[in-house]
Amino acid sequence: MMWHHDYHADHYGYSAGSWLGHTIVSAIIHGLIYGAIFHIMRGMGIGEVLLVAGGGVALVGCGWWIWNRLAQGGRP
């Protein structure tokens, strides 16, 4: 038995013994995502890759800011 509470396991539909299955599925999904990213960026110059990465970070940051602002009811 793990030391933490099984709330997350029960909440997401995983039993206490399926952490290994969750880890394997997560690794496969991450591998597919990274494979797609590397495939798309193949042949791009370092400047283009940095520009796309910076745009992605900015997009995620803006999304995070909007999400938090909406969660607070639109207040600063």
Protein backbone atom coordinates (compact mmCIF):
# COMPACT_ATOMS: atom_id res chain seq x y z
CA MET A 1 0.00 0.00 0.00
CA MET A 2 1.32 3.41 -0.87
CA TRP A 3 1.80 6.06 1.80
CA HIS A 4 -0.61 8.59 0.33
CA HIS A 5 -4.38 8.55 0.34
CA ASP A 6 -6.05 6.66 -2.50
CA TYR A 7 -8.37 9.58 -3.28
CA HIS A 8 -6.74 10.30 -6.63
CA ALA A 9 -6.77 6.65 -7.62
CA ASP A 10 -10.45 6.30 -6.74
CA HIS A 11 -11.33 9.70 -8.22
CA TYR A 12 -9.84 8.91 -11.61
CA GLY A 13 -11.10 5.34 -11.74
CA TYR A 14 -7.78 3.63 -11.06
CA SER A 15 -7.54 0.93 -8.49
CA ALA A 16 -4.61 0.84 -6.08
CA GLY A 17 -2.79 -1.73 -8.21
CA SER A 18 -2.99 -0.09 -11.62
CA TRP A 19 -0.25 2.52 -11.18
CA LEU A 20 1.98 0.49 -13.48
CA GLY A 21 -0.64 0.43 -16.22
CA HIS A 22 -1.17 4.17 -15.81
CA THR A 23 2.59 4.75 -16.08
CA ILE A 24 2.86 2.66 -19.24
CA VAL A 25 -0.10 4.34 -20.95
CA SER A 26 1.24 7.77 -19.95
CA ALA A 27 4.66 6.93 -21.41
CA ILE A 28 3.10 5.80 -24.70
CA ILE A 29 1.01 8.98 -24.97
CA HIS A 30 4.03 11.18 -24.22
CA GLY A 31 6.10 9.27 -26.77
CA LEU A 32 3.46 9.83 -29.46
CA ILE A 33 3.26 13.55 -28.66
CA TYR A 34 7.03 14.06 -28.67
CA GLY A 35 7.37 11.98 -31.83
CA ALA A 36 4.82 14.19 -33.58
CA ILE A 37 6.59 17.36 -32.41
CA PHE A 38 9.98 16.15 -33.59
CA HIS A 39 8.51 14.99 -36.90
CA ILE A 40 6.92 18.40 -37.52
CA MET A 41 10.11 20.28 -36.60
CA ARG A 42 12.44 18.14 -38.69
CA GLY A 43 14.20 20.29 -41.24
CA MET A 44 13.57 23.56 -39.42
CA GLY A 45 16.47 25.83 -38.50
CA ILE A 46 17.34 26.54 -34.88
CA GLY A 47 15.90 30.05 -35.15
CA GLU A 48 12.56 28.71 -36.39
CA VAL A 49 12.46 26.07 -33.66
CA LEU A 50 13.17 28.71 -30.99
CA LEU A 51 10.48 30.96 -32.45
CA VAL A 52 7.90 28.15 -32.42
CA ALA A 53 8.92 27.11 -28.88
CA GLY A 54 8.68 30.71 -27.65
CA GLY A 55 5.26 31.05 -29.26
CA GLY A 56 4.14 27.82 -27.60
CA VAL A 57 5.32 28.98 -24.19
CA ALA A 58 3.56 32.33 -24.70
CA LEU A 59 0.36 30.57 -25.79
CA VAL A 60 0.39 28.30 -22.74
CA GLY A 61 1.15 31.26 -20.46
CA CYS A 62 -1.75 33.27 -21.88
CA GLY A 63 -4.07 30.29 -21.54
CA TRP A 64 -2.96 29.80 -17.95
CA TRP A 65 -3.56 33.49 -17.18
CA ILE A 66 -7.03 33.47 -18.79
CA TRP A 67 -7.97 30.23 -16.99
CA ASN A 68 -6.98 31.66 -13.61
CA ARG A 69 -8.74 34.95 -14.33
CA LEU A 70 -11.97 33.13 -15.22
CA ALA A 71 -11.63 30.90 -12.14
CA GLN A 72 -11.55 34.07 -10.00
CA GLY A 73 -14.69 35.40 -11.62
CA GLY A 74 -12.83 37.83 -13.87
CA ARG A 75 -11.22 39.69 -10.97
CA PRO A 76 -7.52 40.64 -11.01
